[in-house]
PDB file of N, CA and C in Angstrom:
ATOM      1  N   MET A   1       9.001  21.417 -40.536  1.00  0.00           N
ATOM      2  CA  MET A   1       9.214  20.255 -40.746  1.00  0.00           C
ATOM      3  C   MET A   1       9.730  19.948 -41.951  1.00  0.00           C
ATOM      4  N   ALA A   2      10.954  19.554 -42.333  1.00  0.00           N
ATOM      5  CA  ALA A   2      11.573  19.424 -43.488  1.00  0.00           C
ATOM      6  C   ALA A   2      11.903  18.096 -43.659  1.00  0.00           C
ATOM      7  N   ILE A   3      11.051  17.160 -44.110  1.00  0.00           N
ATOM      8  CA  ILE A   3      11.353  15.824 -44.833  1.00  0.00           C
ATOM      9  C   ILE A   3      11.427  16.015 -45.848  1.00  0.00           C
ATOM     10  N   GLU A   4      12.623  15.475 -46.501  1.00  0.00           N
ATOM     11  CA  GLU A   4      13.053  15.514 -47.852  1.00  0.00           C
ATOM     12  C   GLU A   4      13.200  14.169 -48.597  1.00  0.00           C
ATOM     13  N   GLN A   5      13.520  13.457 -47.615  1.00  0.00           N
ATOM     14  CA  GLN A   5      14.119  12.036 -48.027  1.00  0.00           C
ATOM     15  C   GLN A   5      13.046  11.184 -48.963  1.00  0.00           C
ATOM     16  N   SER A   6      13.580  11.044 -50.137  1.00  0.00           N
ATOM     17  CA  SER A   6      12.566  10.418 -51.081  1.00  0.00           C
ATOM     18  C   SER A   6      11.092  10.963 -50.819  1.00  0.00           C
ATOM     19  N   ALA A   7      10.681  12.355 -50.766  1.00  0.00           N
ATOM     20  CA  ALA A   7       9.698  12.626 -50.712  1.00  0.00           C
ATOM     21  C   ALA A   7       8.547  12.134 -49.982  1.00  0.00           C
ATOM     22  N   VAL A   8       8.664  12.072 -48.888  1.00  0.00           N
ATOM     23  CA  VAL A   8       7.762  11.779 -47.665  1.00  0.00           C
ATOM     24  C   VAL A   8       6.640  12.595 -47.672  1.00  0.00           C
ATOM     25  N   ARG A   9       5.538  12.234 -47.510  1.00  0.00           N
ATOM     26  CA  ARG A   9       4.264  13.410 -47.896  1.00  0.00           C
ATOM     27  C   ARG A   9       3.614  13.193 -46.636  1.00  0.00           C
ATOM     28  N   VAL A  10       3.252  14.340 -46.289  1.00  0.00           N
ATOM     29  CA  VAL A  10       2.211  14.235 -45.023  1.00  0.00           C
ATOM     30  C   VAL A  10       1.129  15.283 -45.410  1.00  0.00           C
ATOM     31  N   THR A  11      -0.004  14.873 -45.275  1.00  0.00           N
ATOM     32  CA  THR A  11      -1.259  15.445 -45.375  1.00  0.00           C
ATOM     33  C   THR A  11      -1.869  15.853 -44.184  1.00  0.00           C
ATOM     34  N   ARG A  12      -2.145  16.991 -43.690  1.00  0.00           N
ATOM     35  CA  ARG A  12      -2.768  17.242 -42.482  1.00  0.00           C
ATOM     36  C   ARG A  12      -4.270  17.292 -42.611  1.00  0.00           C
ATOM     37  N   TRP A  13      -4.973  16.933 -41.757  1.00  0.00           N
ATOM     38  CA  TRP A  13      -6.442  16.797 -41.628  1.00  0.00           C
ATOM     39  C   TRP A  13      -6.962  18.259 -41.355  1.00  0.00           C
ATOM     40  N   SER A  14      -7.750  18.982 -42.175  1.00  0.00           N
ATOM     41  CA  SER A  14      -7.904  20.307 -42.010  1.00  0.00           C
ATOM     42  C   SER A  14      -9.594  20.314 -41.990  1.00  0.00           C
ATOM     43  N   GLY A  15     -10.338  19.429 -41.843  1.00  0.00           N
ATOM     44  CA  GLY A  15     -11.815  19.550 -41.970  1.00  0.00           C
ATOM     45  C   GLY A  15     -12.149  19.822 -40.461  1.00  0.00           C
ATOM     46  N   GLY A  16     -13.600  19.935 -40.165  1.00  0.00           N
ATOM     47  CA  GLY A  16     -14.138  19.895 -38.971  1.00  0.00           C
ATOM     48  C   GLY A  16     -13.952  18.743 -37.979  1.00  0.00           C
ATOM     49  N   GLN A  17     -14.867  17.706 -38.240  1.00  0.00           N
ATOM     50  CA  GLN A  17     -14.826  16.294 -37.708  1.00  0.00           C
ATOM     51  C   GLN A  17     -13.788  15.277 -38.398  1.00  0.00           C
ATOM     52  N   HIS A  18     -13.085  14.793 -37.658  1.00  0.00           N
ATOM     53  CA  HIS A  18     -12.046  13.591 -37.948  1.00  0.00           C
ATOM     54  C   HIS A  18     -12.857  12.648 -38.875  1.00  0.00           C
ATOM     55  N   PRO A  19     -12.229  12.183 -39.865  1.00  0.00           N
ATOM     56  CA  PRO A  19     -12.694  11.287 -40.807  1.00  0.00           C
ATOM     57  C   PRO A  19     -13.128   9.880 -40.080  1.00  0.00           C
ATOM     58  N   THR A  20     -13.865   9.028 -40.326  1.00  0.00           N
ATOM     59  CA  THR A  20     -14.135   7.968 -39.398  1.00  0.00           C
ATOM     60  C   THR A  20     -13.236   6.818 -40.187  1.00  0.00           C
ATOM     61  N   LEU A  21     -13.084   5.736 -39.499  1.00  0.00           N
ATOM     62  CA  LEU A  21     -12.395   4.690 -40.059  1.00  0.00           C
ATOM     63  C   LEU A  21     -12.989   3.983 -41.225  1.00  0.00           C
ATOM     64  N   SER A  22     -14.550   4.069 -41.385  1.00  0.00           N
ATOM     65  CA  SER A  22     -14.971   3.498 -42.794  1.00  0.00           C
ATOM     66  C   SER A  22     -14.729   4.667 -43.913  1.00  0.00           C
ATOM     67  N   ALA A  23     -14.888   5.734 -43.669  1.00  0.00           N
ATOM     68  CA  ALA A  23     -14.355   6.707 -44.680  1.00  0.00           C
ATOM     69  C   ALA A  23     -12.951   6.664 -45.140  1.00  0.00           C
ATOM     70  N   ILE A  24     -12.221   6.492 -44.238  1.00  0.00           N
ATOM     71  CA  ILE A  24     -10.769   6.450 -44.727  1.00  0.00           C
ATOM     72  C   ILE A  24     -10.712   5.263 -45.472  1.00  0.00           C
ATOM     73  N   THR A  25     -11.367   4.102 -45.066  1.00  0.00           N
ATOM     74  CA  THR A  25     -11.186   2.752 -45.688  1.00  0.00           C
ATOM     75  C   THR A  25     -11.538   2.839 -47.125  1.00  0.00           C
ATOM     76  N   ARG A  26     -12.709   3.432 -47.217  1.00  0.00           N
ATOM     77  CA  ARG A  26     -13.494   3.597 -48.514  1.00  0.00           C
ATOM     78  C   ARG A  26     -12.486   4.481 -49.295  1.00  0.00           C
ATOM     79  N   GLN A  27     -12.129   5.719 -48.996  1.00  0.00           N
ATOM     80  CA  GLN A  27     -11.073   6.470 -49.533  1.00  0.00           C
ATOM     81  C   GLN A  27      -9.683   5.659 -50.176  1.00  0.00           C
ATOM     82  N   MET A  28      -9.199   5.045 -49.246  1.00  0.00           N
ATOM     83  CA  MET A  28      -8.007   4.140 -49.598  1.00  0.00           C
ATOM     84  C   MET A  28      -8.183   3.101 -50.684  1.00  0.00           C
ATOM     85  N   GLN A  29      -9.475   2.618 -50.631  1.00  0.00           N
ATOM     86  CA  GLN A  29      -9.924   1.221 -51.463  1.00  0.00           C
ATOM     87  C   GLN A  29     -10.297   2.239 -52.909  1.00  0.00           C
ATOM     88  N   ARG A  30     -10.884   3.543 -52.889  1.00  0.00           N
ATOM     89  CA  ARG A  30     -10.911   3.994 -54.214  1.00  0.00           C
ATOM     90  C   ARG A  30      -9.626   4.487 -54.901  1.00  0.00           C
ATOM     91  N   GLU A  31      -8.494   4.445 -54.025  1.00  0.00           N
ATOM     92  CA  GLU A  31      -7.101   4.407 -54.740  1.00  0.00           C
ATOM     93  C   GLU A  31      -6.345   3.535 -55.065  1.00  0.00           C
ATOM     94  N   ALA A  32      -7.267   2.238 -54.633  1.00  0.00           N
ATOM     95  CA  ALA A  32      -6.665   1.026 -55.235  1.00  0.00           C
ATOM     96  C   ALA A  32      -6.013   0.168 -54.215  1.00  0.00           C
ATOM     97  N   MET A  33      -6.212   0.626 -53.068  1.00  0.00           N
ATOM     98  CA  MET A  33      -5.333  -0.016 -51.920  1.00  0.00           C
ATOM     99  C   MET A  33      -6.232  -0.948 -51.095  1.00  0.00           C
ATOM    100  N   ARG A  34      -5.312  -1.699 -50.572  1.00  0.00           N
ATOM    101  CA  ARG A  34      -6.236  -2.912 -49.538  1.00  0.00           C
ATOM    102  C   ARG A  34      -5.717  -2.418 -48.137  1.00  0.00           C
ATOM    103  N   PRO A  35      -6.563  -1.712 -47.539  1.00  0.00           N
ATOM    104  CA  PRO A  35      -6.145  -1.124 -46.214  1.00  0.00           C
ATOM    105  C   PRO A  35      -6.665  -2.256 -45.031  1.00  0.00           C
ATOM    106  N   TYR A  36      -5.530  -1.964 -44.107  1.00  0.00           N
ATOM    107  CA  TYR A  36      -5.815  -3.057 -42.864  1.00  0.00           C
ATOM    108  C   TYR A  36      -5.848  -1.941 -41.561  1.00  0.00           C
ATOM    109  N   PHE A  37      -6.429  -2.385 -40.580  1.00  0.00           N
ATOM    110  CA  PHE A  37      -6.643  -1.438 -39.271  1.00  0.00           C
ATOM    111  C   PHE A  37      -5.737  -2.332 -38.310  1.00  0.00           C
ATOM    112  N   TRP A  38      -4.898  -1.122 -37.458  1.00  0.00           N
ATOM    113  CA  TRP A  38      -4.336  -1.617 -36.213  1.00  0.00           C
ATOM    114  C   TRP A  38      -4.266  -0.736 -35.098  1.00  0.00           C
ATOM    115  N   GLU A  39      -4.249  -1.079 -33.984  1.00  0.00           N
ATOM    116  CA  GLU A  39      -3.903   0.007 -32.946  1.00  0.00           C
ATOM    117  C   GLU A  39      -2.878  -0.646 -31.930  1.00  0.00           C
ATOM    118  N   ASN A  40      -2.418   0.202 -31.089  1.00  0.00           N
ATOM    119  CA  ASN A  40      -1.354   0.084 -30.323  1.00  0.00           C
ATOM    120  C   ASN A  40      -1.567   0.871 -28.812  1.00  0.00           C
ATOM    121  N   ALA A  41      -1.318   0.280 -27.871  1.00  0.00           N
ATOM    122  CA  ALA A  41      -1.339   0.818 -26.460  1.00  0.00           C
ATOM    123  C   ALA A  41      -0.494   2.084 -26.435  1.00  0.00           C
ATOM    124  N   PRO A  42      -0.613   2.924 -25.571  1.00  0.00           N
ATOM    125  CA  PRO A  42       0.329   4.024 -25.266  1.00  0.00           C
ATOM    126  C   PRO A  42       1.880   3.880 -25.025  1.00  0.00           C
ATOM    127  N   ASN A  43       2.370   4.770 -25.771  1.00  0.00           N
ATOM    128  CA  ASN A  43       4.050   4.515 -25.722  1.00  0.00           C
ATOM    129  C   ASN A  43       4.731   3.437 -26.618  1.00  0.00           C
ATOM    130  N   TYR A  44       3.976   2.683 -27.282  1.00  0.00           N
ATOM    131  CA  TYR A  44       4.406   1.551 -27.904  1.00  0.00           C
ATOM    132  C   TYR A  44       5.458   2.105 -28.892  1.00  0.00           C
ATOM    133  N   ARG A  45       6.633   1.371 -29.123  1.00  0.00           N
ATOM    134  CA  ARG A  45       7.612   1.888 -29.823  1.00  0.00           C
ATOM    135  C   ARG A  45       7.867   0.816 -31.012  1.00  0.00           C
ATOM    136  N   TYR A  46       7.923   1.278 -32.381  1.00  0.00           N
ATOM    137  CA  TYR A  46       8.290   0.444 -33.430  1.00  0.00           C
ATOM    138  C   TYR A  46       9.944   0.849 -33.761  1.00  0.00           C
ATOM    139  N   GLY A  47      10.543  -0.157 -33.958  1.00  0.00           N
ATOM    140  CA  GLY A  47      11.984   0.114 -34.444  1.00  0.00           C
ATOM    141  C   GLY A  47      12.356   0.483 -35.743  1.00  0.00           C
ATOM    142  N   ILE A  48      13.369   0.867 -36.093  1.00  0.00           N
ATOM    143  CA  ILE A  48      13.632   1.447 -37.333  1.00  0.00           C
ATOM    144  C   ILE A  48      13.521   0.387 -38.670  1.00  0.00           C
ATOM    145  N   ARG A  49      12.935   0.776 -39.367  1.00  0.00           N
ATOM    146  CA  ARG A  49      12.777  -0.257 -40.538  1.00  0.00           C
ATOM    147  C   ARG A  49      12.236   0.286 -41.892  1.00  0.00           C
ATOM    148  N   SER A  50      12.217  -0.698 -42.780  1.00  0.00           N
ATOM    149  CA  SER A  50      12.203   0.084 -43.966  1.00  0.00           C
ATOM    150  C   SER A  50      11.313  -0.995 -44.803  1.00  0.00           C
ATOM    151  N   HIS A  51      10.578  -0.792 -45.917  1.00  0.00           N
ATOM    152  CA  HIS A  51       9.594  -1.411 -46.627  1.00  0.00           C
ATOM    153  C   HIS A  51       9.793  -1.656 -48.292  1.00  0.00           C
ATOM    154  N   ASN A  52       9.441  -2.446 -48.867  1.00  0.00           N
ATOM    155  CA  ASN A  52       9.734  -2.798 -50.189  1.00  0.00           C
ATOM    156  C   ASN A  52       8.571  -1.990 -50.978  1.00  0.00           C
ATOM    157  N   TYR A  53       7.731  -1.348 -50.703  1.00  0.00           N
ATOM    158  CA  TYR A  53       6.615  -0.535 -50.938  1.00  0.00           C
ATOM    159  C   TYR A  53       6.423   0.712 -50.517  1.00  0.00           C
ATOM    160  N   THR A  54       5.503   1.378 -50.910  1.00  0.00           N
ATOM    161  CA  THR A  54       5.297   2.862 -50.813  1.00  0.00           C
ATOM    162  C   THR A  54       4.095   2.597 -49.529  1.00  0.00           C
ATOM    163  N   LYS A  55       4.296   2.921 -48.078  1.00  0.00           N
ATOM    164  CA  LYS A  55       3.561   2.785 -47.360  1.00  0.00           C
ATOM    165  C   LYS A  55       2.568   4.038 -46.941  1.00  0.00           C
ATOM    166  N   VAL A  56       1.371   3.930 -46.885  1.00  0.00           N
ATOM    167  CA  VAL A  56       0.396   4.946 -46.875  1.00  0.00           C
ATOM    168  C   VAL A  56      -0.588   4.571 -45.525  1.00  0.00           C
ATOM    169  N   MET A  57      -0.386   5.678 -44.364  1.00  0.00           N
ATOM    170  CA  MET A  57      -1.013   5.419 -43.170  1.00  0.00           C
ATOM    171  C   MET A  57      -1.799   6.716 -42.987  1.00  0.00           C
ATOM    172  N   TYR A  58      -2.741   6.336 -42.303  1.00  0.00           N
ATOM    173  CA  TYR A  58      -3.796   7.087 -41.619  1.00  0.00           C
ATOM    174  C   TYR A  58      -3.801   7.319 -40.205  1.00  0.00           C
ATOM    175  N   VAL A  59      -4.058   8.024 -39.154  1.00  0.00           N
ATOM    176  CA  VAL A  59      -4.174   8.071 -38.032  1.00  0.00           C
ATOM    177  C   VAL A  59      -5.894   8.293 -37.994  1.00  0.00           C
ATOM    178  N   VAL A  60      -6.377   7.405 -37.066  1.00  0.00           N
ATOM    179  CA  VAL A  60      -7.853   7.343 -36.918  1.00  0.00           C
ATOM    180  C   VAL A  60      -8.081   7.943 -35.526  1.00  0.00           C
ATOM    181  N   GLU A  61      -7.619   7.657 -34.571  1.00  0.00           N
ATOM    182  CA  GLU A  61      -7.628   7.950 -33.185  1.00  0.00           C
ATOM    183  C   GLU A  61      -6.014   8.238 -32.727  1.00  0.00           C
ATOM    184  N   GLY A  62      -6.046   9.192 -31.641  1.00  0.00           N
ATOM    185  CA  GLY A  62      -4.713   9.194 -30.914  1.00  0.00           C
ATOM    186  C   GLY A  62      -3.738   9.851 -31.843  1.00  0.00           C
ATOM    187  N   THR A  63      -2.466   9.522 -31.479  1.00  0.00           N
ATOM    188  CA  THR A  63      -1.248  10.274 -32.151  1.00  0.00           C
ATOM    189  C   THR A  63      -0.244   9.096 -32.387  1.00  0.00           C
ATOM    190  N   ILE A  64       0.681   9.324 -33.178  1.00  0.00           N
ATOM    191  CA  ILE A  64       2.122   8.455 -33.542  1.00  0.00           C
ATOM    192  C   ILE A  64       3.135   9.506 -33.701  1.00  0.00           C
ATOM    193  N   GLU A  65       4.436   9.455 -33.295  1.00  0.00           N
ATOM    194  CA  GLU A  65       5.357  10.031 -33.952  1.00  0.00           C
ATOM    195  C   GLU A  65       6.283   9.375 -34.965  1.00  0.00           C
ATOM    196  N   LEU A  66       6.695   9.762 -35.950  1.00  0.00           N
ATOM    197  CA  LEU A  66       7.540   8.789 -36.854  1.00  0.00           C
ATOM    198  C   LEU A  66       8.643   9.810 -36.776  1.00  0.00           C
ATOM    199  N   SER A  67       9.944   8.952 -36.847  1.00  0.00           N
ATOM    200  CA  SER A  67      11.257   9.517 -36.899  1.00  0.00           C
ATOM    201  C   SER A  67      11.992   8.697 -38.247  1.00  0.00           C
ATOM    202  N   PHE A  68      12.890   9.627 -38.860  1.00  0.00           N
ATOM    203  CA  PHE A  68      13.399   9.196 -39.985  1.00  0.00           C
ATOM    204  C   PHE A  68      15.084   9.472 -39.651  1.00  0.00           C
ATOM    205  N   PRO A  69      15.839   8.441 -39.035  1.00  0.00           N
ATOM    206  CA  PRO A  69      17.011   8.525 -38.834  1.00  0.00           C
ATOM    207  C   PRO A  69      17.838   8.916 -39.838  1.00  0.00           C
ATOM    208  N   ASP A  70      17.618   8.940 -41.160  1.00  0.00           N
ATOM    209  CA  ASP A  70      18.521   9.330 -42.183  1.00  0.00           C
ATOM    210  C   ASP A  70      18.423  11.009 -42.372  1.00  0.00           C
ATOM    211  N   THR A  71      17.460  11.483 -42.031  1.00  0.00           N
ATOM    212  CA  THR A  71      17.607  12.862 -42.170  1.00  0.00           C
ATOM    213  C   THR A  71      17.411  13.577 -40.799  1.00  0.00           C
ATOM    214  N   ASN A  72      17.311  12.748 -39.610  1.00  0.00           N
ATOM    215  CA  ASN A  72      17.238  13.144 -38.375  1.00  0.00           C
ATOM    216  C   ASN A  72      15.718  13.991 -38.482  1.00  0.00           C
ATOM    217  N   ALA A  73      14.724  13.717 -39.065  1.00  0.00           N
ATOM    218  CA  ALA A  73      13.527  14.483 -38.899  1.00  0.00           C
ATOM    219  C   ALA A  73      12.628  13.653 -38.170  1.00  0.00           C
ATOM    220  N   ARG A  74      11.553  14.317 -37.655  1.00  0.00           N
ATOM    221  CA  ARG A  74      10.500  13.790 -37.002  1.00  0.00           C
ATOM    222  C   ARG A  74       9.163  14.423 -37.346  1.00  0.00           C
ATOM    223  N   VAL A  75       8.059  13.606 -37.450  1.00  0.00           N
ATOM    224  CA  VAL A  75       6.829  14.198 -37.634  1.00  0.00           C
ATOM    225  C   VAL A  75       5.508  13.715 -36.837  1.00  0.00           C
ATOM    226  N   ARG A  76       5.091  14.449 -36.199  1.00  0.00           N
ATOM    227  CA  ARG A  76       3.938  13.962 -35.383  1.00  0.00           C
ATOM    228  C   ARG A  76       2.433  14.116 -36.232  1.00  0.00           C
ATOM    229  N   LEU A  77       1.868  12.530 -36.027  1.00  0.00           N
ATOM    230  CA  LEU A  77       0.613  12.548 -36.744  1.00  0.00           C
ATOM    231  C   LEU A  77      -0.708  12.500 -35.787  1.00  0.00           C
ATOM    232  N   ARG A  78      -1.948  13.260 -36.123  1.00  0.00           N
ATOM    233  CA  ARG A  78      -2.985  13.355 -35.215  1.00  0.00           C
ATOM    234  C   ARG A  78      -4.084  12.532 -36.084  1.00  0.00           C
ATOM    235  N   ALA A  79      -5.282  12.673 -35.511  1.00  0.00           N
ATOM    236  CA  ALA A  79      -6.474  12.095 -36.154  1.00  0.00           C
ATOM    237  C   ALA A  79      -6.728  12.662 -37.373  1.00  0.00           C
ATOM    238  N   GLY A  80      -7.032  11.928 -38.591  1.00  0.00           N
ATOM    239  CA  GLY A  80      -7.267  12.327 -39.750  1.00  0.00           C
ATOM    240  C   GLY A  80      -6.099  12.736 -40.629  1.00  0.00           C
ATOM    241  N   ASP A  81      -4.617  12.713 -40.049  1.00  0.00           N
ATOM    242  CA  ASP A  81      -3.606  13.116 -40.875  1.00  0.00           C
ATOM    243  C   ASP A  81      -3.504  11.748 -41.702  1.00  0.00           C
ATOM    244  N   ARG A  82      -2.453  12.032 -42.694  1.00  0.00           N
ATOM    245  CA  ARG A  82      -2.162  10.902 -43.751  1.00  0.00           C
ATOM    246  C   ARG A  82      -0.596  11.037 -43.983  1.00  0.00           C
ATOM    247  N   ILE A  83       0.156  10.150 -44.119  1.00  0.00           N
ATOM    248  CA  ILE A  83       1.610   9.911 -44.492  1.00  0.00           C
ATOM    249  C   ILE A  83       1.644   8.929 -45.554  1.00  0.00           C
ATOM    250  N   GLU A  84       2.608   9.309 -46.501  1.00  0.00           N
ATOM    251  CA  GLU A  84       3.278   8.331 -47.422  1.00  0.00           C
ATOM    252  C   GLU A  84       4.599   8.264 -47.554  1.00  0.00           C
ATOM    253  N   ILE A  85       5.129   7.124 -47.148  1.00  0.00           N
ATOM    254  CA  ILE A  85       6.636   6.796 -47.150  1.00  0.00           C
ATOM    255  C   ILE A  85       6.962   5.826 -48.089  1.00  0.00           C
ATOM    256  N   PRO A  86       7.901   6.765 -48.967  1.00  0.00           N
ATOM    257  CA  PRO A  86       8.183   5.927 -50.291  1.00  0.00           C
ATOM    258  C   PRO A  86       9.370   4.540 -49.910  1.00  0.00           C
ATOM    259  N   THR A  87       9.210   3.721 -50.946  1.00  0.00           N
ATOM    260  CA  THR A  87      10.078   2.421 -50.665  1.00  0.00           C
ATOM    261  C   THR A  87      11.141   2.628 -50.364  1.00  0.00           C
ATOM    262  N   GLY A  88      11.810   2.098 -49.253  1.00  0.00           N
ATOM    263  CA  GLY A  88      13.340   2.013 -48.900  1.00  0.00           C
ATOM    264  C   GLY A  88      13.352   3.178 -48.037  1.00  0.00           C
ATOM    265  N   VAL A  89      12.642   3.894 -47.343  1.00  0.00           N
ATOM    266  CA  VAL A  89      12.884   4.976 -46.448  1.00  0.00           C
ATOM    267  C   VAL A  89      12.806   4.558 -45.154  1.00  0.00           C
ATOM    268  N   ARG A  90      13.795   4.727 -44.529  1.00  0.00           N
ATOM    269  CA  ARG A  90      13.937   4.059 -43.115  1.00  0.00           C
ATOM    270  C   ARG A  90      13.078   4.905 -42.062  1.00  0.00           C
ATOM    271  N   HIS A  91      12.404   4.408 -41.155  1.00  0.00           N
ATOM    272  CA  HIS A  91      11.679   4.900 -40.161  1.00  0.00           C
ATOM    273  C   HIS A  91      11.384   4.087 -38.961  1.00  0.00           C
ATOM    274  N   GLY A  92      10.995   4.993 -37.963  1.00  0.00           N
ATOM    275  CA  GLY A  92      10.565   4.185 -36.821  1.00  0.00           C
ATOM    276  C   GLY A  92       9.407   4.778 -36.134  1.00  0.00           C
ATOM    277  N   ALA A  93       8.769   4.673 -34.908  1.00  0.00           N
ATOM    278  CA  ALA A  93       7.531   5.232 -34.498  1.00  0.00           C
ATOM    279  C   ALA A  93       7.214   5.012 -33.042  1.00  0.00           C
ATOM    280  N   ILE A  94       6.707   6.005 -32.426  1.00  0.00           N
ATOM    281  CA  ILE A  94       6.382   5.992 -31.087  1.00  0.00           C
ATOM    282  C   ILE A  94       4.857   6.472 -31.058  1.00  0.00           C
ATOM    283  N   VAL A  95       4.009   5.320 -30.377  1.00  0.00           N
ATOM    284  CA  VAL A  95       2.778   5.679 -30.163  1.00  0.00           C
ATOM    285  C   VAL A  95       2.536   6.883 -29.320  1.00  0.00           C
ATOM    286  N   GLY A  96       1.398   7.623 -29.235  1.00  0.00           N
ATOM    287  CA  GLY A  96       1.314   8.807 -28.281  1.00  0.00           C
ATOM    288  C   GLY A  96       0.823   8.384 -26.957  1.00  0.00           C
ATOM    289  N   SER A  97       0.765   9.009 -25.967  1.00  0.00           N
ATOM    290  CA  SER A  97       0.106   8.846 -24.543  1.00  0.00           C
ATOM    291  C   SER A  97      -1.010   8.195 -24.316  1.00  0.00           C
ATOM    292  N   SER A  98      -1.779   8.411 -25.514  1.00  0.00           N
ATOM    293  CA  SER A  98      -3.193   7.838 -25.328  1.00  0.00           C
ATOM    294  C   SER A  98      -3.428   6.726 -26.454  1.00  0.00           C
ATOM    295  N   GLY A  99      -2.566   6.254 -26.904  1.00  0.00           N
ATOM    296  CA  GLY A  99      -2.439   5.114 -27.880  1.00  0.00           C
ATOM    297  C   GLY A  99      -2.756   5.635 -29.208  1.00  0.00           C
ATOM    298  N   ALA A 100      -3.078   4.579 -30.352  1.00  0.00           N
ATOM    299  CA  ALA A 100      -3.196   5.054 -31.502  1.00  0.00           C
ATOM    300  C   ALA A 100      -3.846   4.112 -32.363  1.00  0.00           C
ATOM    301  N   LYS A 101      -4.953   4.347 -33.243  1.00  0.00           N
ATOM    302  CA  LYS A 101      -5.581   3.643 -34.038  1.00  0.00           C
ATOM    303  C   LYS A 101      -5.581   4.236 -35.396  1.00  0.00           C
ATOM    304  N   CYS A 102      -4.980   3.030 -36.341  1.00  0.00           N
ATOM    305  CA  CYS A 102      -4.263   3.643 -37.733  1.00  0.00           C
ATOM    306  C   CYS A 102      -4.700   2.610 -38.871  1.00  0.00           C
ATOM    307  N   VAL A 103      -4.910   3.133 -40.071  1.00  0.00           N
ATOM    308  CA  VAL A 103      -5.147   2.378 -40.970  1.00  0.00           C
ATOM    309  C   VAL A 103      -3.993   2.662 -42.152  1.00  0.00           C
ATOM    310  N   GLU A 104      -3.641   1.371 -42.714  1.00  0.00           N
ATOM    311  CA  GLU A 104      -2.287   1.347 -43.704  1.00  0.00           C
ATOM    312  C   GLU A 104      -2.583   0.629 -44.827  1.00  0.00           C
ATOM    313  N   ALA A 105      -1.632   0.856 -45.767  1.00  0.00           N
ATOM    314  CA  ALA A 105      -1.857   0.042 -46.803  1.00  0.00           C
ATOM    315  C   ALA A 105      -0.502   0.391 -48.017  1.00  0.00           C
ATOM    316  N   ALA A 106      -0.431  -0.666 -48.679  1.00  0.00           N
ATOM    317  CA  ALA A 106       0.650  -0.608 -49.807  1.00  0.00           C
ATOM    318  C   ALA A 106       0.345   0.202 -50.965  1.00  0.00           C
ATOM    319  N   LEU A 107       0.814   1.244 -51.302  1.00  0.00           N
ATOM    320  CA  LEU A 107       0.427   1.772 -52.431  1.00  0.00           C
ATOM    321  C   LEU A 107       0.841   1.173 -53.759  1.00  0.00           C
ATOM    322  N   GLY A 108      -0.147   1.046 -54.558  1.00  0.00           N
ATOM    323  CA  GLY A 108       0.237   0.430 -55.808  1.00  0.00           C
ATOM    324  C   GLY A 108       0.087  -1.047 -56.029  1.00  0.00           C
ATOM    325  N   ARG A 109      -0.207  -1.585 -54.959  1.00  0.00           N
ATOM    326  CA  ARG A 109      -0.111  -2.930 -54.862  1.00  0.00           C
ATOM    327  C   ARG A 109      -1.863  -3.250 -54.419  1.00  0.00           C
ATOM    328  N   VAL A 110      -2.270  -4.320 -55.270  1.00  0.00           N
ATOM    329  CA  VAL A 110      -3.565  -4.586 -55.137  1.00  0.00           C
ATOM    330  C   VAL A 110      -3.817  -6.072 -54.929  1.00  0.00           C
TER     331      VAL A 110
END
C-alpha cells in the first residue's frame, strides 16, 4: 500500500480482541475529538469527496475500502483499524459485504 497523498495514515489493529465502540470513543475524546457513530448496509458506496478538516475514522465492525483517485490507491480497513485523511484529500468508499460500523471525527475541531 503506497498512499503518499498528503500523508494519509493507516494504523492497523494488532491486538487480540478488537476494541469496542466505547473504547474507541473514549480514545478519540482523549485526543480532543467529538466522535460520532455511523453504520451502513453491505456494498453501500460513497462518492468521491474531500473535507475541509482532517478526518479520523475507526472501523468498529465489518470492512470498508477507501479509494484515493488522485493517487490511484486503495486501502481496505477492518475492525480496529484507524485512518487519518488530511484536509482536502479526495476519497471515496465502498462498504464491505457484511456492512460496516464506524466511528469518525474531525481532528483538531472541538
